[in-house]
């Protein structure tokens, strides 16, 4: 989902002068915070998976080099 779609779904408006979003209800703010947390968790999982893949690759190289 891109930023425009999120704004449409959540009913938020962008205030260009203040460079901030305006929320009309607390529920909208909470929903935005939930979405941000999901994106942060996803990014952390990507990093963790990359590190795990690198570790596995290094282990495979060691095993194959010994044989």
Protein backbone atom coordinates (compact mmCIF):
# COMPACT_ATOMS: atom_id res chain seq x y z
CA UNK A 1 0.00 0.00 0.00
CA UNK A 2 1.34 3.41 -0.84
CA UNK A 3 0.88 6.61 1.12
CA UNK A 4 -2.05 7.89 -0.92
CA UNK A 5 -4.00 4.66 -0.46
CA UNK A 6 -3.38 4.71 3.29
CA UNK A 7 -4.59 8.30 3.51
CA UNK A 8 -7.75 7.42 1.61
CA UNK A 9 -8.52 4.32 3.69
CA UNK A 10 -7.82 5.99 7.03
CA UNK A 11 -9.40 9.33 6.17
CA UNK A 12 -6.33 11.36 7.13
CA UNK A 13 -5.35 14.66 5.60
CA UNK A 14 -1.91 16.11 5.02
CA UNK A 15 -1.19 19.65 6.20
CA UNK A 16 1.57 20.92 3.85
CA UNK A 17 2.21 24.11 5.80
CA UNK A 18 2.90 22.25 9.05
CA UNK A 19 4.32 19.20 7.23
CA UNK A 20 2.19 16.89 9.38
CA UNK A 21 -0.89 14.69 9.22
CA UNK A 22 -4.14 15.69 10.89
CA UNK A 23 -6.30 13.00 12.48
CA UNK A 24 -9.91 13.64 13.34
CA UNK A 25 -10.20 10.76 15.82
CA UNK A 26 -8.02 8.87 18.25
CA UNK A 27 -8.91 5.67 16.42
CA UNK A 28 -7.24 6.97 13.25
CA UNK A 29 -4.08 7.81 15.17
CA UNK A 30 -4.02 4.39 16.81
CA UNK A 31 -4.50 2.70 13.43
CA UNK A 32 -1.57 4.66 11.94
CA UNK A 33 0.62 3.67 14.88
CA UNK A 34 -0.38 0.02 14.42
CA UNK A 35 0.54 0.13 10.73
CA UNK A 36 3.90 1.75 11.52
CA UNK A 37 4.64 -0.99 14.07
CA UNK A 38 3.82 -3.63 11.45
CA UNK A 39 6.25 -2.03 8.99
CA UNK A 40 8.95 -1.85 11.68
CA UNK A 41 8.46 -5.51 12.60
CA UNK A 42 8.61 -6.49 8.93
CA UNK A 43 11.86 -4.58 8.45
CA UNK A 44 13.42 -6.20 11.53
CA UNK A 45 12.37 -9.63 10.29
CA UNK A 46 13.98 -8.97 6.91
CA UNK A 47 17.26 -8.07 8.61
CA UNK A 48 17.05 -11.13 10.86
CA UNK A 49 16.34 -13.40 7.87
CA UNK A 50 19.28 -11.92 5.94
CA UNK A 51 21.62 -12.55 8.86
CA UNK A 52 20.30 -16.10 9.20
CA UNK A 53 20.85 -16.72 5.47
CA UNK A 54 24.41 -15.37 5.67
CA UNK A 55 25.13 -17.64 8.64
CA UNK A 56 23.76 -20.66 6.79
CA UNK A 57 25.79 -19.83 3.69
CA UNK A 58 28.96 -19.52 5.75
CA UNK A 59 28.24 -22.87 7.41
CA UNK A 60 27.67 -24.54 4.04
CA UNK A 61 30.95 -23.16 2.69
CA UNK A 62 32.81 -24.53 5.70
CA UNK A 63 31.19 -27.95 5.33
CA UNK A 64 31.89 -28.12 1.60
CA UNK A 65 35.44 -26.89 1.94
CA UNK A 66 36.25 -29.64 4.46
CA UNK A 67 35.05 -32.37 2.10
